[in-house]
Amino acid sequence: MEQKKYFFAVDLGATSGRTIVGSLSDGKFDLEELTRFDNNLIETGAHFYWDIYALYFEIIKGLKLVAQRGIHIQSIGIDTWGCDFVYVDKNGDILRNPMAYRDPHTMGIMEKYFDEKISKEKVYEKTGIQFMNFNSLFQMYAMRKAGNVALENADKILFIPDALSYMLTGNAICEYTVASTSQILNPMTGDFDIDLVESIGLKREQFGKMTHPTTIIGTLTEEVQKITGLNAVPVIAVAGHDTASAVAAVPAKNEEFAYLSSGTWSLMGIETKNAIINEKSYELNFTNEGGIEGTTRFLKNICGMWIYERCRKEWKDEAAANQKDMTCLGHAELIAEAMKQPAFQSIINPDDTCFANPSSMVEAIKQYCEKTGQHVPQSYGEFCRCIFESLALRYRQVFTWLKDFADIDLNVLHIIGGGSLNQYLNQFTANSCGVTVLAGPQEGTAIGTTKKGIGPTYMDKSERSGIRMHDFIDAERFEEVIRETCAVATAKGVPMDADEFIAHDHQDIVTNIADYYPSMCQDMLFNHRQTEIDVLNGKIAEYGEQLGIDTPVCKVLSQVVRCIQGNYDKQYLK
């Protein structure tokens, strides 16, 4: 038996973060979430910032837990959102907290840059990056024009994952995948474009050495070792941009697929060997970002669950202020209410600038619908239905464009990230795009952030394995469950041939859905919530008892799952 190896992953999104331990043994990979925490925007002095020190503190907390539990980790990897950065002075100290990409100081700055520096067409020709006002190029230009003191005194410029790795190791690098989001990097040369760098009054050497995933950045400093109780653990340059790590974990069987990384942002795209930069990609504002092993992620950014999460936060704040029950604001409850509403009453463009960072997302949706002559949502369910349907239709539009760019058939769309758990949105997406949609893994970014940066689920470009459903299948027990189910179904007036089902379903599991966690497994292992066991194996056992049919496997299976569910506090909340 292969000795189990442990890896520490830090996955930071624009709303929350977590630390995770991944374990690898005998070709099986397991994840355990150690800590989860909020990543809050800090508003002060008319600007929005991230607290880089708070994020560092949360990483330290996760590493302390590792030491306390005696887990010997092989490496540490960090992924985050893109575009944002910190300035470091010549003494090695961070100059201020980093400004957040949602800060309004970049509004209108792109147009000024194109007028005053380099044309829009030339910038796209050099970078192939989707134009968004918060791209690093425009953030730095806005700061330069404003006379930002931190910029003027910067010796080094580090993107967020690189800054956190620097705080752990003392070594400054520039990881390729996150650097590619800046709109300063040229994908043809694989390095920063000098013309663009100089256009914002900077020098190439301020960005550090370009580093690709799997490179060792360094080991934990003596200070960090002392604080955490760990030894000199290597910190690995993983795919530092969270979407790059997520795409590395897509359990695709071949290269003929599109992906949708669904979270605060939705990113839909394909993997290509080379950047796609032409008139059409420019016109439709597609982006070319770095992937692992020299690939390019050709994609489009879509404002994703940010709209939903902002609405939900507003409703929670309002309920708390009025001392109202918040039960109805759970994800499951909101989705259930959404599904009760009439379809297509209101449709918004999720990428309209009015949804970027309004003071009230609820009011922004209302105003958009009023302005476009549509029904104005009133209830929680109506708002959620509007958001989910609008996202699905936007996905269809982008997917249609992707098919025109791709030189392969796109018959499968893999949805990864937290949004993959929204089964109704997944179904809306499948309906709108007209293709097979495969959901999961939820923890794609964390998987792509362990094991020297490329993730244990990523084996090679033609065959990705990963977390496999058939790893959980005991062939003998599988057949017994099928025979019990078919016997009960036949007695209930639904004739089912057990032998036929065993032959068909076992082959289907082994060949078609082998690479995925089933939903019950996701509920049990990841989400720590109740499963559908009572209406599945539990119901078979119940009917069997009524009909006088022995169903020992289904009975025991349902009892075991219920027992685990009743002990989550002991099983998972350690």
Protein backbone atom coordinates (compact mmCIF):
# COMPACT_ATOMS: atom_id res chain seq x y z
CA MET A 1 0.00 0.00 0.00
CA GLU A 2 1.29 3.45 -0.94
CA GLN A 3 2.12 5.66 2.02
CA LYS A 4 -0.39 8.48 2.40
CA LYS A 5 0.94 11.91 1.48
CA TYR A 6 -0.54 15.18 2.68
CA PHE A 7 -0.66 18.59 0.97
CA PHE A 8 -1.84 21.95 2.26
CA ALA A 9 -3.96 24.17 0.01
CA VAL A 10 -5.14 27.74 0.46
CA ASP A 11 -8.07 28.74 -1.74
CA LEU A 12 -9.00 32.42 -1.53
CA GLY A 13 -11.98 33.88 -3.30
CA ALA A 14 -13.31 37.39 -3.41
CA THR A 15 -15.90 36.67 -0.70
CA SER A 16 -14.44 33.82 1.37
CA GLY A 17 -11.42 31.61 1.81
CA ARG A 18 -10.51 28.22 3.19
CA THR A 19 -7.52 26.12 4.14
CA ILE A 20 -7.64 22.49 3.08
CA VAL A 21 -5.57 19.36 3.56
CA GLY A 22 -5.49 16.95 0.65
CA SER A 23 -4.32 13.38 1.13
CA LEU A 24 -3.15 11.06 -1.63
CA SER A 25 -2.82 7.31 -1.30
CA ASP A 26 -3.19 4.41 -3.75
CA GLY A 27 -4.50 6.69 -6.47
CA LYS A 28 -7.27 8.09 -4.27
CA PHE A 29 -7.42 11.71 -3.26
CA ASP A 30 -9.36 13.06 -0.28
CA LEU A 31 -9.96 16.62 0.87
CA GLU A 32 -10.60 17.93 4.36
CA GLU A 33 -11.51 21.53 4.96
CA LEU A 34 -9.61 22.79 7.99
CA THR A 35 -10.85 26.37 8.23
CA ARG A 36 -13.26 28.63 6.41
CA PHE A 37 -13.39 32.39 6.78
CA ASP A 38 -14.82 35.55 5.26
CA ASN A 39 -12.78 37.74 2.95
CA ASN A 40 -14.38 41.10 3.49
CA LEU A 41 -13.98 44.27 1.50
CA ILE A 42 -12.82 47.10 3.75
CA GLU A 43 -14.25 50.51 2.90
CA THR A 44 -12.26 53.46 4.18
CA GLY A 45 -11.27 56.83 2.82
CA ALA A 46 -13.67 56.41 -0.14
CA HIS A 47 -11.79 53.30 -1.32
CA PHE A 48 -12.16 49.52 -1.01
CA TYR A 49 -9.27 47.37 0.22
CA TRP A 50 -8.41 43.76 1.02
CA ASP A 51 -6.81 42.94 4.36
CA ILE A 52 -3.68 41.05 3.28
CA TYR A 53 -2.58 40.63 6.90
CA ALA A 54 -5.91 39.07 7.90
CA LEU A 55 -5.57 36.59 5.02
CA TYR A 56 -2.02 35.77 6.12
CA PHE A 57 -3.31 35.27 9.69
CA GLU A 58 -5.94 32.81 8.44
CA ILE A 59 -3.27 30.83 6.57
CA ILE A 60 -1.20 30.71 9.76
CA LYS A 61 -4.24 29.43 11.68
CA GLY A 62 -4.64 26.60 9.17
CA LEU A 63 -0.95 25.71 9.38
CA LYS A 64 -1.13 25.68 13.19
CA LEU A 65 -3.97 23.15 13.01
CA VAL A 66 -1.83 20.97 10.75
CA ALA A 67 1.00 21.05 13.30
CA GLN A 68 -1.33 20.39 16.24
CA ARG A 69 -2.74 17.31 14.53
CA GLY A 70 0.70 16.01 13.64
CA ILE A 71 0.06 16.03 9.89
CA HIS A 72 3.30 15.97 7.92
CA ILE A 73 2.50 18.01 4.80
CA GLN A 74 4.63 17.73 1.68
CA SER A 75 3.98 21.23 0.38
CA ILE A 76 1.88 24.39 0.56
CA GLY A 77 0.08 26.01 -2.38
CA ILE A 78 -1.99 29.20 -2.61
CA ASP A 79 -4.49 30.33 -5.23
CA THR A 80 -6.54 33.53 -5.24
CA TRP A 81 -8.54 35.79 -7.51
CA GLY A 82 -6.65 37.72 -10.19
CA CYS A 83 -5.75 41.32 -11.04
CA ASP A 84 -5.07 42.70 -7.55
CA PHE A 85 -1.60 43.20 -6.10
CA VAL A 86 0.50 44.66 -3.30
CA TYR A 87 3.42 47.05 -3.33
CA VAL A 88 6.60 46.17 -1.42
CA ASP A 89 9.27 48.73 -0.54
CA LYS A 90 13.04 48.32 -0.77
CA ASN A 91 13.13 47.14 2.86
CA GLY A 92 10.82 44.26 2.01
CA ASP A 93 7.79 45.73 3.77
CA ILE A 94 4.29 45.79 2.31
CA LEU A 95 3.10 49.31 1.55
CA ARG A 96 -0.57 49.55 2.59
CA ASN A 97 -3.29 46.97 2.14
CA PRO A 98 -4.01 46.20 -1.52
CA MET A 99 -6.80 48.10 -3.19
CA ALA A 100 -9.67 45.85 -4.30
CA TYR A 101 -10.63 45.43 -7.92
CA ARG A 102 -14.17 46.55 -7.14
CA ASP A 103 -12.95 49.99 -6.09
CA PRO A 104 -14.58 52.66 -8.29
CA HIS A 105 -11.30 54.53 -8.89
CA THR A 106 -10.90 52.73 -12.23
CA MET A 107 -14.27 53.79 -13.63
CA GLY A 108 -13.63 55.49 -16.98
CA ILE A 109 -9.86 54.96 -16.72
CA MET A 110 -9.64 52.54 -19.67
CA GLU A 111 -10.78 55.19 -22.11
CA LYS A 112 -8.27 57.67 -20.70
CA TYR A 113 -5.48 55.11 -21.04
CA PHE A 114 -6.37 54.41 -24.69
CA ASP A 115 -6.48 58.13 -25.46
CA GLU A 116 -3.28 59.00 -23.59
CA LYS A 117 -1.09 55.91 -23.93
CA ILE A 118 -1.73 52.88 -26.17
CA SER A 119 -4.80 52.21 -28.34
CA LYS A 120 -7.37 49.62 -27.36
CA GLU A 121 -6.67 47.54 -30.45
CA LYS A 122 -2.93 47.52 -29.76
CA VAL A 123 -3.39 46.53 -26.13
CA TYR A 124 -5.55 43.56 -27.14
CA GLU A 125 -3.12 42.57 -29.89
CA LYS A 126 -0.34 42.46 -27.29
CA THR A 127 -2.24 40.70 -24.49
CA GLY A 128 -5.40 39.03 -25.79
CA ILE A 129 -7.03 39.90 -22.46
CA GLN A 130 -10.69 40.79 -21.98
CA PHE A 131 -11.16 44.48 -21.28
CA MET A 132 -12.34 45.08 -17.76
CA ASN A 133 -11.80 48.35 -15.96
CA PHE A 134 -10.20 46.62 -12.97
CA ASN A 135 -7.44 44.82 -14.89
CA SER A 136 -4.08 45.49 -13.26
CA LEU A 137 -2.94 47.68 -16.13
CA PHE A 138 -5.78 50.12 -15.55
CA GLN A 139 -5.59 49.93 -11.76
CA MET A 140 -1.94 50.95 -11.86
CA TYR A 141 -2.60 53.67 -14.41
CA ALA A 142 -5.36 55.10 -12.21
CA MET A 143 -2.99 55.05 -9.24
CA ARG A 144 -0.23 56.66 -11.27
CA LYS A 145 -2.51 59.50 -12.31
CA ALA A 146 -3.69 59.93 -8.72
CA GLY A 147 -0.10 60.12 -7.44
CA ASN A 148 -0.48 57.00 -5.29
CA VAL A 149 2.37 57.08 -2.75
CA ALA A 150 2.61 53.29 -2.45
CA LEU A 151 3.08 52.95 -6.20
CA GLU A 152 5.66 55.71 -6.28
CA ASN A 153 7.70 53.97 -3.56
CA ALA A 154 7.29 50.38 -4.76
CA ASP A 155 10.40 48.28 -5.20
CA LYS A 156 8.40 45.13 -6.01
CA ILE A 157 4.87 44.49 -7.24
CA LEU A 158 3.38 41.16 -6.16
CA PHE A 159 0.04 39.68 -7.16
CA ILE A 160 -2.04 38.42 -4.24
CA PRO A 161 -0.97 34.72 -4.19
CA ASP A 162 2.65 35.76 -4.72
CA ALA A 163 2.39 38.28 -1.88
CA LEU A 164 1.12 35.62 0.53
CA SER A 165 3.83 33.17 -0.56
CA TYR A 166 6.32 35.99 -0.01
CA MET A 167 5.02 36.49 3.54
CA LEU A 168 5.53 32.77 4.21
CA THR A 169 8.94 32.33 2.54
CA GLY A 170 10.56 35.75 2.10
CA ASN A 171 11.01 34.99 -1.61
CA ALA A 172 9.34 37.15 -4.26
CA ILE A 173 8.21 35.58 -7.54
CA CYS A 174 5.67 36.31 -10.26
CA GLU A 175 3.51 33.27 -11.01
CA TYR A 176 2.49 33.06 -14.65
CA THR A 177 -1.23 32.21 -14.47
CA VAL A 178 -2.13 35.05 -12.12
CA ALA A 179 0.19 37.46 -13.95
CA SER A 180 -1.70 36.67 -17.16
CA THR A 181 -4.84 38.32 -15.72
CA SER A 182 -3.10 41.68 -15.47
CA GLN A 183 -3.41 42.77 -19.13
CA ILE A 184 0.32 43.49 -19.02
CA LEU A 185 1.60 40.03 -20.02
CA ASN A 186 2.12 39.05 -23.64
CA PRO A 187 1.10 35.38 -24.16
CA MET A 188 3.24 35.08 -27.30
CA THR A 189 6.45 35.94 -25.41
CA GLY A 190 5.34 34.51 -22.08
CA ASP A 191 6.51 37.64 -20.26
CA PHE A 192 5.40 41.17 -19.49
CA ASP A 193 5.18 43.50 -22.47
CA ILE A 194 7.78 46.24 -22.06
CA ASP A 195 5.70 48.87 -23.87
CA LEU A 196 2.79 48.30 -21.50
CA VAL A 197 5.01 48.24 -18.43
CA GLU A 198 6.69 51.50 -19.37
CA SER A 199 3.35 53.11 -20.27
CA ILE A 200 2.45 53.14 -16.56
CA GLY A 201 5.87 54.37 -15.49
CA LEU A 202 7.21 51.04 -14.24
CA LYS A 203 10.16 48.74 -14.96
CA ARG A 204 10.10 45.04 -15.77
CA GLU A 205 12.32 44.10 -12.82
CA GLN A 206 9.73 45.41 -10.36
CA PHE A 207 7.53 42.40 -11.12
CA GLY A 208 10.03 39.68 -10.28
CA LYS A 209 11.00 36.50 -12.07
CA MET A 210 8.27 34.85 -14.15
CA THR A 211 7.57 31.49 -12.53
CA HIS A 212 5.41 28.61 -13.74
CA PRO A 213 3.30 26.14 -11.72
CA THR A 214 5.17 23.34 -9.89
CA THR A 215 8.19 25.59 -9.17
CA ILE A 216 9.40 25.62 -5.56
CA ILE A 217 9.25 29.21 -4.27
CA GLY A 218 11.05 28.46 -1.03
CA THR A 219 10.43 27.03 2.43
CA LEU A 220 8.69 28.51 5.45
CA THR A 221 10.82 31.14 7.13
CA GLU A 222 12.20 30.48 10.59
CA GLU A 223 9.68 32.98 11.93
CA VAL A 224 6.73 31.13 10.35
CA GLN A 225 8.12 27.78 11.51
CA LYS A 226 8.27 29.10 15.07
CA ILE A 227 4.74 30.55 14.91
CA THR A 228 3.13 27.44 13.40
CA GLY A 229 5.20 24.63 14.90
CA LEU A 230 6.03 23.24 11.46
CA ASN A 231 9.42 22.57 9.91
CA ALA A 232 10.81 24.02 6.65
CA VAL A 233 7.86 22.97 4.47
CA PRO A 234 8.22 23.88 0.76
CA VAL A 235 5.84 26.48 -0.67
CA ILE A 236 5.02 25.65 -4.29
CA ALA A 237 4.06 28.05 -7.05
CA VAL A 238 0.76 26.46 -8.00
CA ALA A 239 -1.58 27.81 -10.64
CA GLY A 240 -1.98 30.99 -8.60
CA HIS A 241 -5.13 32.19 -10.34
CA ASP A 242 -8.02 30.27 -8.83
CA THR A 243 -9.65 29.55 -12.18
CA ALA A 244 -6.42 28.08 -13.53
CA SER A 245 -6.30 25.72 -10.55
CA ALA A 246 -9.99 24.90 -10.99
CA VAL A 247 -9.59 24.06 -14.66
CA ALA A 248 -6.64 21.81 -13.82
CA ALA A 249 -9.03 19.73 -11.73
CA VAL A 250 -11.73 19.29 -14.39
CA PRO A 251 -12.27 15.50 -14.64
CA ALA A 252 -12.63 15.50 -18.42
CA LYS A 253 -12.07 12.34 -20.44
CA ASN A 254 -10.52 14.16 -23.39
CA GLU A 255 -9.85 17.65 -24.70
CA GLU A 256 -13.29 18.12 -26.26
CA PHE A 257 -14.99 20.00 -23.49
CA ALA A 258 -15.82 23.46 -22.25
CA TYR A 259 -15.73 24.47 -18.61
CA LEU A 260 -17.67 26.82 -16.42
CA SER A 261 -16.00 27.78 -13.16
CA SER A 262 -19.00 28.90 -11.16
CA GLY A 263 -18.49 31.03 -8.08
CA THR A 264 -18.49 34.75 -7.33
CA TRP A 265 -17.40 35.03 -10.95
CA SER A 266 -18.45 32.64 -13.69
CA LEU A 267 -15.68 31.90 -16.14
CA MET A 268 -16.60 29.93 -19.25
CA GLY A 269 -14.00 28.76 -21.71
CA ILE A 270 -11.88 26.09 -23.34
CA GLU A 271 -8.25 25.04 -23.10
CA THR A 272 -6.09 25.74 -26.12
CA LYS A 273 -2.45 25.21 -27.00
CA ASN A 274 -2.04 28.79 -28.19
CA ALA A 275 -3.71 32.11 -27.54
CA ILE A 276 -6.62 33.05 -29.84
CA ILE A 277 -6.21 36.70 -30.73
CA ASN A 278 -8.10 37.93 -33.77
CA GLU A 279 -10.76 40.44 -34.78
CA LYS A 280 -13.63 38.29 -33.58
CA SER A 281 -12.13 37.55 -30.15
CA TYR A 282 -11.43 41.29 -29.86
CA GLU A 283 -14.98 42.19 -30.88
CA LEU A 284 -16.52 39.73 -28.39
CA ASN A 285 -14.02 40.64 -25.67
CA PHE A 286 -12.67 37.16 -24.95
CA THR A 287 -9.59 36.63 -22.83
CA ASN A 288 -6.47 34.46 -23.05
CA GLU A 289 -5.14 33.56 -19.61
CA GLY A 290 -2.37 31.21 -18.61
CA GLY A 291 -3.04 27.60 -17.70
CA ILE A 292 -0.86 24.80 -16.45
CA GLU A 293 1.68 22.99 -18.59
CA GLY A 294 1.84 25.78 -21.13
CA THR A 295 -1.86 25.82 -22.00
CA THR A 296 -4.03 28.86 -22.57
CA ARG A 297 -7.45 29.30 -21.00
CA PHE A 298 -9.54 30.97 -23.69
CA LEU A 299 -12.55 32.25 -21.83
CA LYS A 300 -14.95 34.99 -20.97
CA ASN A 301 -15.55 36.41 -17.51
CA ILE A 302 -19.20 36.57 -16.50
CA CYS A 303 -20.49 38.18 -13.34
CA GLY A 304 -21.67 35.02 -11.56
CA MET A 305 -23.06 34.27 -8.11
CA TRP A 306 -21.85 37.69 -6.93
CA ILE A 307 -25.29 39.10 -7.73
CA TYR A 308 -27.10 36.36 -5.81
CA GLU A 309 -24.75 36.53 -2.81
CA ARG A 310 -25.06 40.30 -2.59
CA CYS A 311 -28.86 40.09 -2.61
CA ARG A 312 -28.79 37.36 0.02
CA LYS A 313 -26.51 39.43 2.25
CA GLU A 314 -28.85 42.42 1.97
CA TRP A 315 -31.83 40.28 2.91
CA LYS A 316 -29.98 38.81 5.88
CA ASP A 317 -28.90 42.25 7.08
CA GLU A 318 -32.48 43.50 6.79
CA ALA A 319 -33.82 40.44 8.63
CA ALA A 320 -31.25 40.84 11.40
CA ALA A 321 -32.06 44.54 11.79
CA ASN A 322 -35.76 43.73 12.12
CA GLN A 323 -35.15 40.64 14.27
CA LYS A 324 -36.83 38.39 11.73
CA ASP A 325 -36.34 34.66 11.23
CA MET A 326 -33.62 33.94 8.63
CA THR A 327 -34.57 30.33 7.94
CA CYS A 328 -36.11 31.30 4.61
CA LEU A 329 -32.76 32.76 3.49
CA GLY A 330 -30.90 29.45 3.39
CA HIS A 331 -29.68 28.36 -0.05
CA ALA A 332 -32.08 25.44 -0.24
CA GLU A 333 -35.04 27.57 0.81
CA LEU A 334 -34.29 30.37 -1.66
CA ILE A 335 -33.81 27.94 -4.53
CA ALA A 336 -37.07 26.17 -3.65
CA GLU A 337 -38.90 29.52 -3.69
CA ALA A 338 -37.28 30.43 -7.01
CA MET A 339 -38.60 27.25 -8.61
CA LYS A 340 -42.18 28.15 -7.62
CA GLN A 341 -42.06 31.36 -9.66
CA PRO A 342 -43.21 31.74 -13.28
CA ALA A 343 -40.37 31.43 -15.78
CA PHE A 344 -38.80 34.39 -17.58
CA GLN A 345 -40.70 37.17 -15.85
CA SER A 346 -37.54 39.28 -15.66
CA ILE A 347 -34.15 38.94 -17.36
CA ILE A 348 -31.05 41.01 -16.62
CA ASN A 349 -27.63 41.21 -18.24
CA PRO A 350 -25.36 40.01 -15.40
CA ASP A 351 -22.42 41.84 -16.96
CA ASP A 352 -24.08 45.25 -17.03
CA THR A 353 -21.89 47.75 -15.18
CA CYS A 354 -24.76 48.58 -12.83
CA PHE A 355 -24.19 45.20 -11.10
CA ALA A 356 -20.42 45.67 -10.59
CA ASN A 357 -20.60 46.95 -7.01
CA PRO A 358 -23.82 48.88 -6.34
CA SER A 359 -24.68 50.11 -2.87
CA SER A 360 -27.78 47.90 -3.11
CA MET A 361 -27.89 44.93 -5.50
CA VAL A 362 -31.61 44.50 -4.88
CA GLU A 363 -32.29 48.07 -5.97
CA ALA A 364 -29.94 47.70 -8.96
CA ILE A 365 -32.01 44.74 -10.22
CA LYS A 366 -35.26 46.63 -9.66
CA GLN A 367 -33.99 49.68 -11.53
CA TYR A 368 -32.70 47.56 -14.43
CA CYS A 369 -36.08 45.85 -14.82
CA GLU A 370 -37.97 49.15 -14.58
CA LYS A 371 -35.68 50.73 -17.17
CA THR A 372 -36.14 47.79 -19.58
CA GLY A 373 -39.92 47.61 -19.15
CA GLN A 374 -40.01 44.24 -17.38
CA HIS A 375 -41.73 42.85 -14.33
CA VAL A 376 -39.96 44.15 -11.24
CA PRO A 377 -39.14 41.31 -8.82
CA GLN A 378 -40.67 41.64 -5.37
CA SER A 379 -40.22 38.41 -3.45
CA TYR A 380 -37.01 36.54 -2.65
CA GLY A 381 -38.07 33.80 -5.04
CA GLU A 382 -38.66 36.22 -7.91
CA PHE A 383 -35.24 37.80 -7.47
CA CYS A 384 -33.50 34.42 -7.38
CA ARG A 385 -35.41 33.10 -10.39
CA CYS A 386 -34.44 36.22 -12.31
CA ILE A 387 -30.75 35.81 -11.40
CA PHE A 388 -30.56 32.08 -12.23
CA GLU A 389 -32.38 32.35 -15.55
CA SER A 390 -30.34 35.39 -16.56
CA LEU A 391 -27.10 33.57 -15.82
CA ALA A 392 -28.20 30.50 -17.79
CA LEU A 393 -29.06 32.62 -20.83
CA ARG A 394 -25.77 34.48 -20.60
CA TYR A 395 -24.01 31.10 -20.44
CA ARG A 396 -25.82 30.07 -23.62
CA GLN A 397 -24.66 33.19 -25.42
CA VAL A 398 -21.01 32.70 -24.43
CA PHE A 399 -21.12 28.94 -25.12
CA THR A 400 -22.42 29.61 -28.64
CA TRP A 401 -19.49 31.95 -29.26
CA LEU A 402 -17.04 29.39 -27.88
CA LYS A 403 -18.24 26.77 -30.35
CA ASP A 404 -17.39 29.13 -33.20
CA PHE A 405 -13.83 29.60 -31.89
CA ALA A 406 -13.11 25.98 -31.01
CA ASP A 407 -11.53 23.61 -33.51
CA ILE A 408 -13.09 20.71 -31.57
CA ASP A 409 -16.66 19.58 -30.95
CA LEU A 410 -18.00 20.95 -27.68
CA ASN A 411 -20.62 18.47 -26.53
CA VAL A 412 -19.87 18.58 -22.82
CA LEU A 413 -19.82 21.45 -20.35
CA HIS A 414 -18.10 20.79 -17.02
CA ILE A 415 -19.34 23.01 -14.19
CA ILE A 416 -16.89 23.27 -11.31
CA GLY A 417 -16.70 25.33 -8.14
CA GLY A 418 -19.30 26.13 -5.51
CA GLY A 419 -21.95 26.93 -8.13
CA SER A 420 -21.84 23.32 -9.31
CA LEU A 421 -24.02 22.41 -6.30
CA ASN A 422 -26.95 24.49 -7.61
CA GLN A 423 -28.73 21.71 -9.46
CA TYR A 424 -31.49 23.96 -10.79
CA LEU A 425 -29.07 26.46 -12.26
CA ASN A 426 -27.14 23.52 -13.73
CA GLN A 427 -30.34 22.24 -15.32
CA PHE A 428 -31.20 25.71 -16.65
CA THR A 429 -27.69 25.83 -18.13
CA ALA A 430 -28.04 22.40 -19.77
CA ASN A 431 -31.42 23.42 -21.20
CA SER A 432 -30.15 26.71 -22.56
CA CYS A 433 -26.84 25.41 -23.99
CA GLY A 434 -28.29 22.17 -25.36
CA VAL A 435 -25.35 20.03 -24.22
CA THR A 436 -24.53 17.52 -21.52
CA VAL A 437 -23.67 19.31 -18.30
CA LEU A 438 -21.50 17.51 -15.75
CA ALA A 439 -21.31 19.09 -12.32
CA GLY A 440 -18.33 18.83 -9.98
CA PRO A 441 -16.00 18.75 -8.34
CA GLN A 442 -17.09 21.50 -6.01
CA GLU A 443 -13.57 21.78 -4.62
CA GLY A 444 -11.86 22.20 -7.98
CA THR A 445 -9.59 25.05 -6.97
CA ALA A 446 -8.39 23.26 -3.87
CA ILE A 447 -7.66 20.11 -5.85
CA GLY A 448 -5.72 22.08 -8.38
CA THR A 449 -3.71 23.76 -5.64
CA THR A 450 -2.13 20.71 -4.06
CA LYS A 451 0.56 18.28 -5.16
CA LYS A 452 3.11 20.57 -6.67
CA GLY A 453 0.52 22.84 -8.15
CA ILE A 454 -1.05 20.71 -10.83
CA GLY A 455 -3.33 18.71 -8.61
CA PRO A 456 -3.64 14.99 -8.16
CA THR A 457 -6.71 14.93 -10.35
CA TYR A 458 -4.73 16.21 -13.28
CA MET A 459 -2.65 13.46 -14.87
CA ASP A 460 -2.18 14.41 -18.49
CA LYS A 461 -3.95 16.29 -21.25
CA SER A 462 -5.66 13.31 -22.78
CA GLU A 463 -6.78 11.43 -19.69
CA ARG A 464 -7.75 13.06 -16.42
CA SER A 465 -8.67 10.76 -13.64
CA GLY A 466 -9.22 12.20 -10.22
CA ILE A 467 -11.85 11.38 -7.66
CA ARG A 468 -13.67 8.43 -9.08
CA MET A 469 -17.12 7.15 -8.27
CA HIS A 470 -16.07 3.59 -8.89
CA ASP A 471 -13.59 3.93 -6.03
CA PHE A 472 -16.63 3.78 -3.78
CA ILE A 473 -18.30 0.85 -5.51
CA ASP A 474 -18.12 -2.61 -4.03
CA ALA A 475 -19.26 -4.81 -6.94
CA GLU A 476 -20.92 -7.44 -4.72
CA ARG A 477 -22.81 -4.91 -2.61
CA PHE A 478 -23.72 -2.95 -5.73
CA GLU A 479 -25.44 -6.00 -7.20
CA GLU A 480 -27.25 -6.74 -3.95
CA VAL A 481 -28.65 -3.20 -3.80
CA ILE A 482 -29.83 -3.46 -7.42
CA ARG A 483 -31.49 -6.84 -6.83
CA GLU A 484 -33.28 -5.60 -3.73
CA THR A 485 -34.45 -2.48 -5.59
CA CYS A 486 -35.67 -4.44 -8.62
CA ALA A 487 -37.50 -6.97 -6.45
CA VAL A 488 -39.36 -4.21 -4.61
CA ALA A 489 -40.11 -2.29 -7.84
CA THR A 490 -41.50 -5.41 -9.53
CA ALA A 491 -43.72 -6.15 -6.54
CA LYS A 492 -44.98 -2.54 -6.72
CA GLY A 493 -46.03 -3.04 -10.34
CA VAL A 494 -42.91 -1.67 -12.07
CA PRO A 495 -41.20 -4.71 -13.65
CA MET A 496 -37.39 -4.41 -13.55
CA ASP A 497 -34.84 -6.98 -14.69
CA ALA A 498 -32.04 -6.97 -12.11
CA ASP A 499 -29.49 -8.67 -14.39
CA GLU A 500 -30.08 -6.11 -17.14
CA PHE A 501 -29.71 -3.20 -14.73
CA ILE A 502 -26.56 -4.63 -13.18
CA ALA A 503 -24.90 -5.05 -16.57
CA HIS A 504 -25.93 -1.62 -17.82
CA ASP A 505 -25.51 0.49 -14.67
CA HIS A 506 -22.20 -1.01 -13.61
CA GLN A 507 -20.75 -0.31 -17.03
CA ASP A 508 -22.19 3.20 -16.96
CA ILE A 509 -20.58 3.92 -13.60
CA VAL A 510 -17.22 2.52 -14.62
CA THR A 511 -17.01 4.23 -17.99
CA ASN A 512 -19.23 7.30 -17.99
CA ILE A 513 -19.40 8.79 -14.53
CA ALA A 514 -16.43 7.18 -12.90
CA ASP A 515 -14.69 10.48 -12.37
CA TYR A 516 -17.24 12.09 -10.10
CA TYR A 517 -18.42 12.10 -6.57
CA PRO A 518 -22.14 11.22 -6.49
CA SER A 519 -24.32 13.90 -4.94
CA MET A 520 -24.86 11.92 -1.73
CA CYS A 521 -21.12 11.59 -1.30
CA GLN A 522 -20.71 15.34 -1.80
CA ASP A 523 -23.38 15.94 0.82
CA MET A 524 -21.68 13.63 3.29
CA LEU A 525 -18.03 14.50 2.80
CA PHE A 526 -18.01 18.14 1.73
CA ASN A 527 -21.20 19.84 2.77
CA HIS A 528 -21.90 18.03 6.06
CA ARG A 529 -25.63 18.00 5.45
CA GLN A 530 -28.52 15.56 5.33
CA THR A 531 -28.77 13.32 2.29
CA GLU A 532 -31.73 11.83 0.43
CA ILE A 533 -31.13 8.43 2.04
CA ASP A 534 -34.70 8.18 3.43
CA VAL A 535 -36.28 8.51 -0.01
CA LEU A 536 -33.72 6.26 -1.70
CA ASN A 537 -32.39 3.15 0.02
CA GLY A 538 -34.52 3.94 3.07
CA LYS A 539 -37.70 3.87 1.00
CA ILE A 540 -36.69 0.54 -0.61
CA ALA A 541 -36.25 -0.92 2.88
CA GLU A 542 -39.61 0.52 3.96
CA TYR A 543 -41.47 -0.89 0.95
CA GLY A 544 -39.67 -4.22 1.33
CA GLU A 545 -40.91 -4.53 4.90
CA GLN A 546 -44.49 -3.76 3.78
CA LEU A 547 -44.31 -6.32 0.95
CA GLY A 548 -42.50 -9.01 2.89
CA ILE A 549 -39.36 -8.69 0.76
CA ASP A 550 -36.03 -8.93 2.55
CA THR A 551 -33.80 -5.89 1.87
CA PRO A 552 -30.90 -6.27 4.32
CA VAL A 553 -28.33 -4.22 2.35
CA CYS A 554 -30.62 -1.23 1.75
CA LYS A 555 -31.74 -1.38 5.38
CA VAL A 556 -28.20 -1.41 6.77
CA LEU A 557 -27.00 1.22 4.27
CA SER A 558 -29.76 3.66 5.21
CA GLN A 559 -29.16 3.04 8.93
CA VAL A 560 -25.42 3.67 8.58
CA VAL A 561 -25.93 6.93 6.66
CA ARG A 562 -28.48 8.12 9.23
CA CYS A 563 -26.00 7.33 11.99
CA ILE A 564 -23.25 9.35 10.28
CA GLN A 565 -25.65 12.25 9.72
CA GLY A 566 -26.50 12.24 13.41
CA ASN A 567 -22.87 12.55 14.38
CA TYR A 568 -21.56 15.31 12.12
CA ASP A 569 -20.34 17.24 15.10
CA LYS A 570 -18.05 14.36 16.04
CA GLN A 571 -17.18 13.34 12.50
CA TYR A 572 -16.43 16.66 10.85
CA LEU A 573 -16.47 19.58 13.26
CA LYS A 574 -13.16 18.90 14.91
